[in-house]
PDB file of N, CA and C in Angstrom:
ATOM      1  N   UNK A   1       0.889  -1.047   0.078  1.00  0.00           N
ATOM      2  CA  UNK A   1       0.012  -0.059   0.148  1.00  0.00           C
ATOM      3  C   UNK A   1       0.800   1.124  -0.008  1.00  0.00           C
ATOM      4  N   UNK A   2       1.941   1.264   0.848  1.00  0.00           N
ATOM      5  CA  UNK A   2       2.834   2.516   0.810  1.00  0.00           C
ATOM      6  C   UNK A   2       3.482   2.423  -0.525  1.00  0.00           C
ATOM      7  N   UNK A   3       3.748   1.324  -1.018  1.00  0.00           N
ATOM      8  CA  UNK A   3       4.570   1.642  -2.508  1.00  0.00           C
ATOM      9  C   UNK A   3       3.888   1.995  -3.263  1.00  0.00           C
ATOM     10  N   UNK A   4       2.350   1.819  -3.394  1.00  0.00           N
ATOM     11  CA  UNK A   4       1.427   2.301  -4.428  1.00  0.00           C
ATOM     12  C   UNK A   4       1.343   3.681  -4.151  1.00  0.00           C
ATOM     13  N   UNK A   5       1.471   4.281  -2.995  1.00  0.00           N
ATOM     14  CA  UNK A   5       1.395   5.605  -2.558  1.00  0.00           C
ATOM     15  C   UNK A   5       2.537   6.409  -3.158  1.00  0.00           C
ATOM     16  N   UNK A   6       3.766   5.804  -2.834  1.00  0.00           N
ATOM     17  CA  UNK A   6       4.916   6.407  -3.281  1.00  0.00           C
ATOM     18  C   UNK A   6       4.786   6.614  -4.816  1.00  0.00           C
ATOM     19  N   UNK A   7       4.469   5.607  -5.470  1.00  0.00           N
ATOM     20  CA  UNK A   7       4.576   5.577  -6.954  1.00  0.00           C
ATOM     21  C   UNK A   7       3.647   6.775  -7.328  1.00  0.00           C
ATOM     22  N   UNK A   8       2.402   6.650  -6.848  1.00  0.00           N
ATOM     23  CA  UNK A   8       1.281   7.814  -7.333  1.00  0.00           C
ATOM     24  C   UNK A   8       1.896   8.998  -6.911  1.00  0.00           C
ATOM     25  N   UNK A   9       2.690   9.262  -5.787  1.00  0.00           N
ATOM     26  CA  UNK A   9       3.237  10.669  -5.466  1.00  0.00           C
ATOM     27  C   UNK A   9       4.309  11.065  -6.602  1.00  0.00           C
ATOM     28  N   UNK A  10       5.030   9.941  -6.837  1.00  0.00           N
ATOM     29  CA  UNK A  10       6.142  10.290  -7.983  1.00  0.00           C
ATOM     30  C   UNK A  10       5.562  10.658  -9.268  1.00  0.00           C
ATOM     31  N   UNK A  11       4.627   9.903  -9.560  1.00  0.00           N
ATOM     32  CA  UNK A  11       4.011  10.117 -11.074  1.00  0.00           C
ATOM     33  C   UNK A  11       3.275  11.310 -11.089  1.00  0.00           C
ATOM     34  N   UNK A  12       2.585  11.935 -10.047  1.00  0.00           N
ATOM     35  CA  UNK A  12       1.834  13.263  -9.835  1.00  0.00           C
ATOM     36  C   UNK A  12       3.008  14.198  -9.719  1.00  0.00           C
ATOM     37  N   UNK A  13       4.126  14.019  -9.431  1.00  0.00           N
ATOM     38  CA  UNK A  13       5.384  15.126  -9.341  1.00  0.00           C
ATOM     39  C   UNK A  13       5.305  15.735  -7.998  1.00  0.00           C
ATOM     40  N   UNK A  14       4.711  15.265  -7.061  1.00  0.00           N
ATOM     41  CA  UNK A  14       4.701  16.053  -5.696  1.00  0.00           C
ATOM     42  C   UNK A  14       5.638  15.626  -4.804  1.00  0.00           C
ATOM     43  N   UNK A  15       6.774  16.248  -4.764  1.00  0.00           N
ATOM     44  CA  UNK A  15       7.929  16.048  -3.795  1.00  0.00           C
ATOM     45  C   UNK A  15       7.809  15.741  -2.647  1.00  0.00           C
ATOM     46  N   UNK A  16       6.964  16.540  -1.840  1.00  0.00           N
ATOM     47  CA  UNK A  16       6.940  16.501  -0.595  1.00  0.00           C
ATOM     48  C   UNK A  16       6.133  15.215   0.093  1.00  0.00           C
ATOM     49  N   UNK A  17       5.201  14.794  -0.685  1.00  0.00           N
ATOM     50  CA  UNK A  17       4.218  13.501  -0.593  1.00  0.00           C
ATOM     51  C   UNK A  17       5.249  12.308  -1.035  1.00  0.00           C
ATOM     52  N   UNK A  18       6.062  12.455  -2.022  1.00  0.00           N
ATOM     53  CA  UNK A  18       6.902  11.495  -2.514  1.00  0.00           C
ATOM     54  C   UNK A  18       8.062  11.022  -1.297  1.00  0.00           C
ATOM     55  N   UNK A  19       8.440  12.263  -0.739  1.00  0.00           N
ATOM     56  CA  UNK A  19       9.641  12.026   0.423  1.00  0.00           C
ATOM     57  C   UNK A  19       8.807  11.394   1.494  1.00  0.00           C
ATOM     58  N   UNK A  20       7.775  11.962   1.852  1.00  0.00           N
ATOM     59  CA  UNK A  20       6.825  11.197   3.119  1.00  0.00           C
ATOM     60  C   UNK A  20       6.720   9.726   2.824  1.00  0.00           C
ATOM     61  N   UNK A  21       6.111   9.528   1.869  1.00  0.00           N
ATOM     62  CA  UNK A  21       5.752   8.240   1.556  1.00  0.00           C
ATOM     63  C   UNK A  21       6.892   7.095   1.441  1.00  0.00           C
ATOM     64  N   UNK A  22       7.975   7.727   0.865  1.00  0.00           N
ATOM     65  CA  UNK A  22       9.294   7.018   0.798  1.00  0.00           C
ATOM     66  C   UNK A  22       9.875   6.781   2.218  1.00  0.00           C
ATOM     67  N   UNK A  23       9.779   7.801   3.046  1.00  0.00           N
ATOM     68  CA  UNK A  23      10.255   7.537   4.314  1.00  0.00           C
ATOM     69  C   UNK A  23       9.257   6.497   5.063  1.00  0.00           C
ATOM     70  N   UNK A  24       8.126   6.511   4.826  1.00  0.00           N
ATOM     71  CA  UNK A  24       7.194   5.638   5.437  1.00  0.00           C
ATOM     72  C   UNK A  24       7.420   4.200   4.903  1.00  0.00           C
ATOM     73  N   UNK A  25       7.817   4.047   3.759  1.00  0.00           N
ATOM     74  CA  UNK A  25       8.122   2.833   3.074  1.00  0.00           C
ATOM     75  C   UNK A  25       9.419   2.136   3.698  1.00  0.00           C
ATOM     76  N   UNK A  26      10.425   3.008   3.723  1.00  0.00           N
ATOM     77  CA  UNK A  26      11.528   2.640   4.113  1.00  0.00           C
ATOM     78  C   UNK A  26      11.429   2.175   5.984  1.00  0.00           C
ATOM     79  N   UNK A  27      10.602   3.052   6.561  1.00  0.00           N
ATOM     80  CA  UNK A  27      10.315   2.791   8.190  1.00  0.00           C
ATOM     81  C   UNK A  27       9.416   1.245   7.989  1.00  0.00           C
ATOM     82  N   UNK A  28       8.541   0.997   7.396  1.00  0.00           N
ATOM     83  CA  UNK A  28       7.711   0.029   7.050  1.00  0.00           C
ATOM     84  C   UNK A  28       8.675  -1.502   6.974  1.00  0.00           C
ATOM     85  N   UNK A  29       9.506  -1.025   5.876  1.00  0.00           N
ATOM     86  CA  UNK A  29      10.584  -2.299   5.939  1.00  0.00           C
ATOM     87  C   UNK A  29      11.414  -2.618   6.849  1.00  0.00           C
ATOM     88  N   UNK A  30      12.029  -1.364   7.580  1.00  0.00           N
ATOM     89  CA  UNK A  30      12.678  -1.733   8.705  1.00  0.00           C
ATOM     90  C   UNK A  30      12.191  -2.220   9.856  1.00  0.00           C
ATOM     91  N   UNK A  31      10.897  -1.771  10.048  1.00  0.00           N
ATOM     92  CA  UNK A  31       9.955  -2.479  11.030  1.00  0.00           C
ATOM     93  C   UNK A  31       9.690  -4.044  10.794  1.00  0.00           C
ATOM     94  N   UNK A  32       9.455  -4.279   9.449  1.00  0.00           N
ATOM     95  CA  UNK A  32       9.237  -5.681   9.107  1.00  0.00           C
ATOM     96  C   UNK A  32      10.589  -6.562   9.453  1.00  0.00           C
ATOM     97  N   UNK A  33      11.752  -5.885   9.153  1.00  0.00           N
ATOM     98  CA  UNK A  33      12.863  -6.616   9.523  1.00  0.00           C
ATOM     99  C   UNK A  33      13.210  -6.729  11.159  1.00  0.00           C
ATOM    100  N   UNK A  34      12.918  -5.797  11.879  1.00  0.00           N
ATOM    101  CA  UNK A  34      12.808  -5.778  13.217  1.00  0.00           C
ATOM    102  C   UNK A  34      11.937  -6.824  13.750  1.00  0.00           C
ATOM    103  N   UNK A  35      10.920  -6.734  13.588  1.00  0.00           N
ATOM    104  CA  UNK A  35       9.751  -7.672  13.895  1.00  0.00           C
ATOM    105  C   UNK A  35      10.172  -9.450  13.599  1.00  0.00           C
ATOM    106  N   UNK A  36      10.894  -9.667  12.581  1.00  0.00           N
ATOM    107  CA  UNK A  36      11.301 -10.714  12.134  1.00  0.00           C
ATOM    108  C   UNK A  36      12.469 -11.389  13.136  1.00  0.00           C
ATOM    109  N   UNK A  37      13.291 -10.372  13.491  1.00  0.00           N
ATOM    110  CA  UNK A  37      14.386 -10.727  14.361  1.00  0.00           C
ATOM    111  C   UNK A  37      13.647 -10.935  15.827  1.00  0.00           C
ATOM    112  N   UNK A  38      12.943 -10.136  16.453  1.00  0.00           N
ATOM    113  CA  UNK A  38      12.183 -10.213  17.599  1.00  0.00           C
ATOM    114  C   UNK A  38      11.026 -11.564  17.538  1.00  0.00           C
ATOM    115  N   UNK A  39      10.552 -11.735  16.377  1.00  0.00           N
ATOM    116  CA  UNK A  39       9.747 -13.165  16.239  1.00  0.00           C
ATOM    117  C   UNK A  39      10.943 -14.407  16.418  1.00  0.00           C
ATOM    118  N   UNK A  40      12.009 -14.395  15.855  1.00  0.00           N
ATOM    119  CA  UNK A  40      13.039 -15.454  15.957  1.00  0.00           C
ATOM    120  C   UNK A  40      13.554 -15.623  17.458  1.00  0.00           C
ATOM    121  N   UNK A  41      13.790 -14.398  18.248  1.00  0.00           N
ATOM    122  CA  UNK A  41      14.198 -14.452  19.291  1.00  0.00           C
ATOM    123  C   UNK A  41      13.288 -14.930  20.277  1.00  0.00           C
ATOM    124  N   UNK A  42      11.998 -14.649  20.111  1.00  0.00           N
ATOM    125  CA  UNK A  42      11.066 -15.256  21.118  1.00  0.00           C
ATOM    126  C   UNK A  42      10.659 -16.501  20.872  1.00  0.00           C
ATOM    127  N   UNK A  43      10.737 -16.828  19.520  1.00  0.00           N
ATOM    128  CA  UNK A  43      10.503 -18.274  19.383  1.00  0.00           C
ATOM    129  C   UNK A  43      11.597 -19.208  19.884  1.00  0.00           C
ATOM    130  N   UNK A  44      12.826 -18.990  19.740  1.00  0.00           N
ATOM    131  CA  UNK A  44      13.709 -19.683  20.301  1.00  0.00           C
ATOM    132  C   UNK A  44      13.851 -19.797  21.808  1.00  0.00           C
ATOM    133  N   UNK A  45      13.378 -18.511  22.329  1.00  0.00           N
ATOM    134  CA  UNK A  45      13.393 -18.547  23.781  1.00  0.00           C
ATOM    135  C   UNK A  45      12.289 -19.348  24.406  1.00  0.00           C
ATOM    136  N   UNK A  46      11.113 -18.966  23.952  1.00  0.00           N
ATOM    137  CA  UNK A  46      10.001 -20.004  24.266  1.00  0.00           C
ATOM    138  C   UNK A  46      10.235 -21.460  24.032  1.00  0.00           C
ATOM    139  N   UNK A  47      10.838 -21.867  22.981  1.00  0.00           N
ATOM    140  CA  UNK A  47      10.999 -23.132  22.737  1.00  0.00           C
ATOM    141  C   UNK A  47      11.957 -23.762  23.743  1.00  0.00           C
ATOM    142  N   UNK A  48      13.188 -22.881  23.910  1.00  0.00           N
ATOM    143  CA  UNK A  48      14.043 -23.363  24.865  1.00  0.00           C
ATOM    144  C   UNK A  48      13.495 -23.631  26.133  1.00  0.00           C
ATOM    145  N   UNK A  49      12.866 -22.574  26.677  1.00  0.00           N
ATOM    146  CA  UNK A  49      12.197 -22.863  27.952  1.00  0.00           C
ATOM    147  C   UNK A  49      11.353 -24.120  28.078  1.00  0.00           C
ATOM    148  N   UNK A  50      10.482 -24.264  27.202  1.00  0.00           N
ATOM    149  CA  UNK A  50       9.612 -25.404  27.293  1.00  0.00           C
ATOM    150  C   UNK A  50      10.216 -26.801  27.186  1.00  0.00           C
ATOM    151  N   UNK A  51      11.529 -26.786  26.363  1.00  0.00           N
ATOM    152  CA  UNK A  51      12.402 -27.942  26.113  1.00  0.00           C
ATOM    153  C   UNK A  51      13.061 -28.174  27.568  1.00  0.00           C
ATOM    154  N   UNK A  52      13.523 -27.239  28.094  1.00  0.00           N
ATOM    155  CA  UNK A  52      14.264 -27.452  29.531  1.00  0.00           C
ATOM    156  C   UNK A  52      13.368 -27.958  30.441  1.00  0.00           C
ATOM    157  N   UNK A  53      12.070 -27.509  30.600  1.00  0.00           N
ATOM    158  CA  UNK A  53      11.018 -27.951  31.447  1.00  0.00           C
ATOM    159  C   UNK A  53      10.777 -29.239  31.284  1.00  0.00           C
ATOM    160  N   UNK A  54      10.556 -29.690  29.771  1.00  0.00           N
ATOM    161  CA  UNK A  54      10.008 -31.032  29.378  1.00  0.00           C
ATOM    162  C   UNK A  54      11.273 -32.105  29.931  1.00  0.00           C
ATOM    163  N   UNK A  55      12.600 -31.634  29.455  1.00  0.00           N
ATOM    164  CA  UNK A  55      13.620 -32.611  29.828  1.00  0.00           C
ATOM    165  C   UNK A  55      14.047 -32.741  31.157  1.00  0.00           C
ATOM    166  N   UNK A  56      13.906 -31.678  32.037  1.00  0.00           N
ATOM    167  CA  UNK A  56      14.184 -31.845  33.380  1.00  0.00           C
ATOM    168  C   UNK A  56      13.059 -32.753  33.968  1.00  0.00           C
ATOM    169  N   UNK A  57      11.955 -32.358  33.714  1.00  0.00           N
ATOM    170  CA  UNK A  57      10.830 -33.198  34.406  1.00  0.00           C
ATOM    171  C   UNK A  57      10.970 -34.580  33.816  1.00  0.00           C
ATOM    172  N   UNK A  58      11.232 -35.060  32.734  1.00  0.00           N
ATOM    173  CA  UNK A  58      11.666 -36.363  32.068  1.00  0.00           C
ATOM    174  C   UNK A  58      12.682 -37.077  32.871  1.00  0.00           C
ATOM    175  N   UNK A  59      13.967 -36.388  33.124  1.00  0.00           N
ATOM    176  CA  UNK A  59      14.954 -36.943  33.816  1.00  0.00           C
ATOM    177  C   UNK A  59      14.818 -37.155  35.141  1.00  0.00           C
ATOM    178  N   UNK A  60      14.070 -36.312  35.980  1.00  0.00           N
ATOM    179  CA  UNK A  60      13.671 -36.591  37.197  1.00  0.00           C
ATOM    180  C   UNK A  60      12.700 -37.698  37.375  1.00  0.00           C
ATOM    181  N   UNK A  61      11.958 -37.884  36.504  1.00  0.00           N
ATOM    182  CA  UNK A  61      11.166 -39.127  36.567  1.00  0.00           C
ATOM    183  C   UNK A  61      11.855 -40.411  36.299  1.00  0.00           C
ATOM    184  N   UNK A  62      13.023 -40.133  35.139  1.00  0.00           N
ATOM    185  CA  UNK A  62      13.749 -41.272  35.017  1.00  0.00           C
ATOM    186  C   UNK A  62      14.580 -41.694  36.244  1.00  0.00           C
ATOM    187  N   UNK A  63      15.112 -40.630  36.838  1.00  0.00           N
ATOM    188  CA  UNK A  63      16.020 -41.114  38.144  1.00  0.00           C
ATOM    189  C   UNK A  63      15.092 -41.705  39.321  1.00  0.00           C
ATOM    190  N   UNK A  64      13.870 -41.220  39.470  1.00  0.00           N
ATOM    191  CA  UNK A  64      13.096 -42.007  40.406  1.00  0.00           C
ATOM    192  C   UNK A  64      12.953 -43.363  40.276  1.00  0.00           C
ATOM    193  N   UNK A  65      12.785 -43.932  38.881  1.00  0.00           N
ATOM    194  CA  UNK A  65      12.651 -45.075  38.493  1.00  0.00           C
ATOM    195  C   UNK A  65      13.880 -45.651  38.028  1.00  0.00           C
ATOM    196  N   UNK A  66      15.115 -45.385  38.410  1.00  0.00           N
ATOM    197  CA  UNK A  66      16.372 -45.875  38.141  1.00  0.00           C
ATOM    198  C   UNK A  66      16.304 -47.549  37.743  1.00  0.00           C
ATOM    199  N   UNK A  67      16.887 -47.692  36.692  1.00  0.00           N
ATOM    200  CA  UNK A  67      17.040 -48.987  36.283  1.00  0.00           C
ATOM    201  C   UNK A  67      18.367 -49.139  34.955  1.00  0.00           C
ATOM    202  N   UNK A  68      18.522 -50.493  34.863  1.00  0.00           N
ATOM    203  CA  UNK A  68      19.858 -50.442  33.999  1.00  0.00           C
ATOM    204  C   UNK A  68      19.691 -50.240  32.534  1.00  0.00           C
ATOM    205  N   UNK A  69      18.420 -49.868  32.079  1.00  0.00           N
ATOM    206  CA  UNK A  69      18.097 -49.170  30.880  1.00  0.00           C
ATOM    207  C   UNK A  69      17.687 -47.823  30.978  1.00  0.00           C
ATOM    208  N   UNK A  70      18.166 -47.030  32.049  1.00  0.00           N
ATOM    209  CA  UNK A  70      17.997 -45.819  32.156  1.00  0.00           C
ATOM    210  C   UNK A  70      18.877 -44.918  31.077  1.00  0.00           C
ATOM    211  N   UNK A  71      20.168 -45.046  31.067  1.00  0.00           N
ATOM    212  CA  UNK A  71      20.831 -44.644  29.714  1.00  0.00           C
ATOM    213  C   UNK A  71      20.314 -44.731  28.289  1.00  0.00           C
ATOM    214  N   UNK A  72      19.931 -45.815  28.088  1.00  0.00           N
ATOM    215  CA  UNK A  72      19.173 -46.027  26.802  1.00  0.00           C
ATOM    216  C   UNK A  72      17.908 -45.099  26.868  1.00  0.00           C
ATOM    217  N   UNK A  73      17.263 -45.144  27.909  1.00  0.00           N
ATOM    218  CA  UNK A  73      15.941 -44.363  27.769  1.00  0.00           C
ATOM    219  C   UNK A  73      16.309 -43.004  27.812  1.00  0.00           C
ATOM    220  N   UNK A  74      17.264 -42.362  28.420  1.00  0.00           N
ATOM    221  CA  UNK A  74      17.576 -41.052  28.453  1.00  0.00           C
ATOM    222  C   UNK A  74      17.810 -40.520  27.225  1.00  0.00           C
ATOM    223  N   UNK A  75      18.643 -41.452  26.636  1.00  0.00           N
ATOM    224  CA  UNK A  75      19.214 -40.977  25.055  1.00  0.00           C
ATOM    225  C   UNK A  75      17.976 -40.846  24.095  1.00  0.00           C
ATOM    226  N   UNK A  76      17.006 -41.994  24.202  1.00  0.00           N
ATOM    227  CA  UNK A  76      15.915 -42.118  23.538  1.00  0.00           C
ATOM    228  C   UNK A  76      14.999 -40.845  23.874  1.00  0.00           C
ATOM    229  N   UNK A  77      14.911 -40.485  25.157  1.00  0.00           N
ATOM    230  CA  UNK A  77      13.757 -39.241  25.207  1.00  0.00           C
ATOM    231  C   UNK A  77      14.690 -38.176  24.731  1.00  0.00           C
ATOM    232  N   UNK A  78      15.979 -38.056  24.808  1.00  0.00           N
ATOM    233  CA  UNK A  78      16.507 -36.562  24.369  1.00  0.00           C
ATOM    234  C   UNK A  78      16.357 -36.435  22.934  1.00  0.00           C
ATOM    235  N   UNK A  79      16.402 -37.647  22.240  1.00  0.00           N
ATOM    236  CA  UNK A  79      16.269 -37.564  20.742  1.00  0.00           C
ATOM    237  C   UNK A  79      15.006 -37.127  20.571  1.00  0.00           C
ATOM    238  N   UNK A  80      13.900 -37.830  21.020  1.00  0.00           N
ATOM    239  CA  UNK A  80      12.482 -37.449  21.061  1.00  0.00           C
ATOM    240  C   UNK A  80      12.224 -36.008  21.482  1.00  0.00           C
ATOM    241  N   UNK A  81      12.800 -35.562  22.481  1.00  0.00           N
ATOM    242  CA  UNK A  81      12.468 -34.162  22.965  1.00  0.00           C
ATOM    243  C   UNK A  81      12.745 -33.032  21.867  1.00  0.00           C
ATOM    244  N   UNK A  82      14.056 -33.476  21.095  1.00  0.00           N
ATOM    245  CA  UNK A  82      14.628 -32.594  20.038  1.00  0.00           C
ATOM    246  C   UNK A  82      13.575 -32.622  19.017  1.00  0.00           C
ATOM    247  N   UNK A  83      12.953 -33.541  18.615  1.00  0.00           N
ATOM    248  CA  UNK A  83      11.999 -33.773  17.653  1.00  0.00           C
ATOM    249  C   UNK A  83      10.792 -32.849  18.086  1.00  0.00           C
ATOM    250  N   UNK A  84      10.317 -32.875  19.195  1.00  0.00           N
ATOM    251  CA  UNK A  84       9.298 -32.368  19.623  1.00  0.00           C
ATOM    252  C   UNK A  84       9.433 -30.760  19.739  1.00  0.00           C
ATOM    253  N   UNK A  85      10.598 -30.305  20.109  1.00  0.00           N
ATOM    254  CA  UNK A  85      11.080 -28.925  19.884  1.00  0.00           C
ATOM    255  C   UNK A  85      10.888 -28.695  18.517  1.00  0.00           C
ATOM    256  N   UNK A  86      11.453 -29.212  17.599  1.00  0.00           N
ATOM    257  CA  UNK A  86      11.153 -28.586  16.142  1.00  0.00           C
ATOM    258  C   UNK A  86       9.863 -28.863  15.621  1.00  0.00           C
ATOM    259  N   UNK A  87       9.254 -29.881  15.960  1.00  0.00           N
ATOM    260  CA  UNK A  87       7.739 -30.233  15.398  1.00  0.00           C
ATOM    261  C   UNK A  87       6.617 -29.565  16.242  1.00  0.00           C
ATOM    262  N   UNK A  88       6.951 -29.373  17.441  1.00  0.00           N
ATOM    263  CA  UNK A  88       5.788 -28.837  18.124  1.00  0.00           C
ATOM    264  C   UNK A  88       5.732 -27.345  18.700  1.00  0.00           C
ATOM    265  N   UNK A  89       6.908 -27.058  19.635  1.00  0.00           N
ATOM    266  CA  UNK A  89       7.048 -25.715  20.121  1.00  0.00           C
ATOM    267  C   UNK A  89       7.312 -24.662  19.303  1.00  0.00           C
ATOM    268  N   UNK A  90       8.236 -24.806  18.180  1.00  0.00           N
ATOM    269  CA  UNK A  90       8.474 -23.897  17.149  1.00  0.00           C
ATOM    270  C   UNK A  90       6.996 -23.645  16.462  1.00  0.00           C
ATOM    271  N   UNK A  91       6.371 -24.598  16.110  1.00  0.00           N
ATOM    272  CA  UNK A  91       5.293 -24.586  15.269  1.00  0.00           C
ATOM    273  C   UNK A  91       4.027 -23.638  15.999  1.00  0.00           C
ATOM    274  N   UNK A  92       3.831 -23.808  17.390  1.00  0.00           N
ATOM    275  CA  UNK A  92       3.056 -22.972  18.022  1.00  0.00           C
ATOM    276  C   UNK A  92       3.524 -21.509  17.694  1.00  0.00           C
ATOM    277  N   UNK A  93       4.595 -21.208  18.022  1.00  0.00           N
ATOM    278  CA  UNK A  93       5.182 -19.734  17.759  1.00  0.00           C
ATOM    279  C   UNK A  93       4.685 -19.168  16.331  1.00  0.00           C
ATOM    280  N   UNK A  94       5.161 -20.070  15.270  1.00  0.00           N
ATOM    281  CA  UNK A  94       5.021 -19.914  13.966  1.00  0.00           C
ATOM    282  C   UNK A  94       3.348 -19.737  13.602  1.00  0.00           C
ATOM    283  N   UNK A  95       2.754 -20.486  14.286  1.00  0.00           N
ATOM    284  CA  UNK A  95       1.089 -20.472  13.906  1.00  0.00           C
ATOM    285  C   UNK A  95       0.524 -19.012  14.492  1.00  0.00           C
ATOM    286  N   UNK A  96       1.021 -18.525  15.584  1.00  0.00           N
ATOM    287  CA  UNK A  96       0.668 -17.345  16.022  1.00  0.00           C
ATOM    288  C   UNK A  96       0.965 -16.061  15.140  1.00  0.00           C
ATOM    289  N   UNK A  97       2.200 -16.294  14.528  1.00  0.00           N
ATOM    290  CA  UNK A  97       2.954 -15.222  13.658  1.00  0.00           C
ATOM    291  C   UNK A  97       2.071 -15.114  12.288  1.00  0.00           C
ATOM    292  N   UNK A  98       1.859 -16.336  11.788  1.00  0.00           N
ATOM    293  CA  UNK A  98       0.980 -16.529  10.641  1.00  0.00           C
ATOM    294  C   UNK A  98      -0.364 -16.105  10.563  1.00  0.00           C
ATOM    295  N   UNK A  99      -0.906 -16.366  11.588  1.00  0.00           N
ATOM    296  CA  UNK A  99      -2.264 -16.024  11.964  1.00  0.00           C
ATOM    297  C   UNK A  99      -2.363 -14.717  12.062  1.00  0.00           C
ATOM    298  N   UNK A 100      -1.493 -13.961  12.696  1.00  0.00           N
ATOM    299  CA  UNK A 100      -1.421 -12.446  12.904  1.00  0.00           C
ATOM    300  C   UNK A 100      -1.293 -11.789  11.422  1.00  0.00           C
ATOM    301  N   UNK A 101      -0.366 -12.334  10.910  1.00  0.00           N
ATOM    302  CA  UNK A 101      -0.300 -11.839   9.520  1.00  0.00           C
ATOM    303  C   UNK A 101      -1.519 -11.921   8.601  1.00  0.00           C
ATOM    304  N   UNK A 102      -2.363 -13.092   8.680  1.00  0.00           N
ATOM    305  CA  UNK A 102      -3.490 -13.066   8.004  1.00  0.00           C
ATOM    306  C   UNK A 102      -4.425 -12.089   8.436  1.00  0.00           C
ATOM    307  N   UNK A 103      -4.773 -11.946   9.523  1.00  0.00           N
ATOM    308  CA  UNK A 103      -5.589 -10.817  10.164  1.00  0.00           C
ATOM    309  C   UNK A 103      -5.153  -9.539   9.784  1.00  0.00           C
ATOM    310  N   UNK A 104      -3.893  -9.122   9.603  1.00  0.00           N
ATOM    311  CA  UNK A 104      -3.639  -7.816   9.353  1.00  0.00           C
ATOM    312  C   UNK A 104      -3.711  -7.829   7.941  1.00  0.00           C
ATOM    313  N   UNK A 105      -3.543  -8.914   7.000  1.00  0.00           N
ATOM    314  CA  UNK A 105      -3.846  -8.724   5.543  1.00  0.00           C
ATOM    315  C   UNK A 105      -5.054  -8.607   5.355  1.00  0.00           C
ATOM    316  N   UNK A 106      -6.212  -9.372   6.050  1.00  0.00           N
ATOM    317  CA  UNK A 106      -7.377  -8.955   5.623  1.00  0.00           C
ATOM    318  C   UNK A 106      -7.922  -7.688   5.802  1.00  0.00           C
ATOM    319  N   UNK A 107      -7.343  -7.227   7.075  1.00  0.00           N
ATOM    320  CA  UNK A 107      -7.708  -5.637   7.619  1.00  0.00           C
ATOM    321  C   UNK A 107      -7.193  -4.681   6.522  1.00  0.00           C
ATOM    322  N   UNK A 108      -6.159  -5.122   6.103  1.00  0.00           N
ATOM    323  CA  UNK A 108      -5.347  -4.246   4.729  1.00  0.00           C
ATOM    324  C   UNK A 108      -6.199  -4.041   3.548  1.00  0.00           C
ATOM    325  N   UNK A 109      -6.726  -5.622   3.157  1.00  0.00           N
ATOM    326  CA  UNK A 109      -7.822  -5.310   1.968  1.00  0.00           C
ATOM    327  C   UNK A 109      -8.936  -5.120   2.143  1.00  0.00           C
ATOM    328  N   UNK A 110      -9.565  -4.922   3.420  1.00  0.00           N
ATOM    329  CA  UNK A 110     -10.948  -4.247   3.755  1.00  0.00           C
ATOM    330  C   UNK A 110     -10.534  -2.849   3.749  1.00  0.00           C
ATOM    331  N   UNK A 111      -9.381  -2.401   4.121  1.00  0.00           N
ATOM    332  CA  UNK A 111      -9.192  -0.697   4.012  1.00  0.00           C
ATOM    333  C   UNK A 111      -9.087  -0.461   2.738  1.00  0.00           C
ATOM    334  N   UNK A 112      -8.286  -1.100   1.904  1.00  0.00           N
ATOM    335  CA  UNK A 112      -8.098  -0.614   0.821  1.00  0.00           C
ATOM    336  C   UNK A 112      -9.417  -0.513  -0.298  1.00  0.00           C
ATOM    337  N   UNK A 113     -10.195  -1.567  -0.201  1.00  0.00           N
ATOM    338  CA  UNK A 113     -11.300  -1.763  -1.163  1.00  0.00           C
ATOM    339  C   UNK A 113     -12.094  -2.861  -0.482  1.00  0.00           C
ATOM    340  N   UNK A 114     -13.067  -2.423   0.308  1.00  0.00           N
ATOM    341  CA  UNK A 114     -13.769  -3.496   0.941  1.00  0.00           C
ATOM    342  C   UNK A 114     -14.960  -4.339  -0.127  1.00  0.00           C
ATOM    343  N   UNK A 115     -15.198  -3.474  -1.236  1.00  0.00           N
ATOM    344  CA  UNK A 115     -16.227  -4.477  -2.064  1.00  0.00           C
ATOM    345  C   UNK A 115     -15.260  -5.438  -2.874  1.00  0.00           C
ATOM    346  N   UNK A 116     -13.933  -5.146  -3.098  1.00  0.00           N
ATOM    347  CA  UNK A 116     -13.073  -6.059  -3.944  1.00  0.00           C
ATOM    348  C   UNK A 116     -12.741  -7.276  -2.825  1.00  0.00           C
ATOM    349  N   UNK A 117     -12.606  -6.953  -1.404  1.00  0.00           N
ATOM    350  CA  UNK A 117     -12.566  -8.020  -0.722  1.00  0.00           C
ATOM    351  C   UNK A 117     -13.479  -8.962  -0.570  1.00  0.00           C
ATOM    352  N   UNK A 118     -14.821  -8.381  -0.540  1.00  0.00           N
ATOM    353  CA  UNK A 118     -16.142  -9.315  -0.573  1.00  0.00           C
ATOM    354  C   UNK A 118     -16.110 -10.054  -1.770  1.00  0.00           C
ATOM    355  N   UNK A 119     -15.805  -9.498  -2.993  1.00  0.00           N
ATOM    356  CA  UNK A 119     -15.596 -10.288  -4.138  1.00  0.00           C
ATOM    357  C   UNK A 119     -14.762 -11.145  -4.229  1.00  0.00           C
ATOM    358  N   UNK A 120     -13.750 -10.948  -3.595  1.00  0.00           N
ATOM    359  CA  UNK A 120     -12.690 -12.229  -3.562  1.00  0.00           C
ATOM    360  C   UNK A 120     -13.149 -13.364  -2.598  1.00  0.00           C
ATOM    361  N   UNK A 121     -13.466 -12.794  -1.582  1.00  0.00           N
ATOM    362  CA  UNK A 121     -14.074 -13.921  -0.507  1.00  0.00           C
ATOM    363  C   UNK A 121     -15.216 -14.744  -1.080  1.00  0.00           C
ATOM    364  N   UNK A 122     -16.136 -14.048  -1.779  1.00  0.00           N
ATOM    365  CA  UNK A 122     -17.219 -14.659  -2.347  1.00  0.00           C
ATOM    366  C   UNK A 122     -16.819 -15.681  -3.300  1.00  0.00           C
ATOM    367  N   UNK A 123     -15.750 -15.264  -4.041  1.00  0.00           N
ATOM    368  CA  UNK A 123     -15.189 -16.237  -5.134  1.00  0.00           C
ATOM    369  C   UNK A 123     -14.270 -17.213  -4.637  1.00  0.00           C
ATOM    370  N   UNK A 124     -13.722 -17.240  -3.555  1.00  0.00           N
ATOM    371  CA  UNK A 124     -13.065 -18.348  -2.852  1.00  0.00           C
ATOM    372  C   UNK A 124     -13.785 -19.145  -2.343  1.00  0.00           C
ATOM    373  N   UNK A 125     -14.998 -19.179  -2.057  1.00  0.00           N
ATOM    374  CA  UNK A 125     -16.111 -20.061  -1.544  1.00  0.00           C
ATOM    375  C   UNK A 125     -16.390 -20.927  -2.599  1.00  0.00           C
TER     376      UNK A 125
END
């Protein structure tokens, strides 16, 4: 949307509007970059905390019922918890991120042209 406004201002020859929209476009690109870094940080932090909790609980339970197979079980559980980390905890955060992008995209489409949004929504059904 900002790029469209920037191009429109450039075509119309309005330098003040062009500079304003160009600054807003650069700011939006910077914010997108910043939020991608913040998203990655919180994804890793959340996942690490959940994995540490899961592994410590698992290891405490294993030590309570100590047996000769404990080493094999701990290795097996470590491998399985690493799989859970990649397939479950990171997907939780990714789901929230994608859902928020979808909601903001729908809001942006409605803001730009609500009739076109309704036509696209009706056509997709």
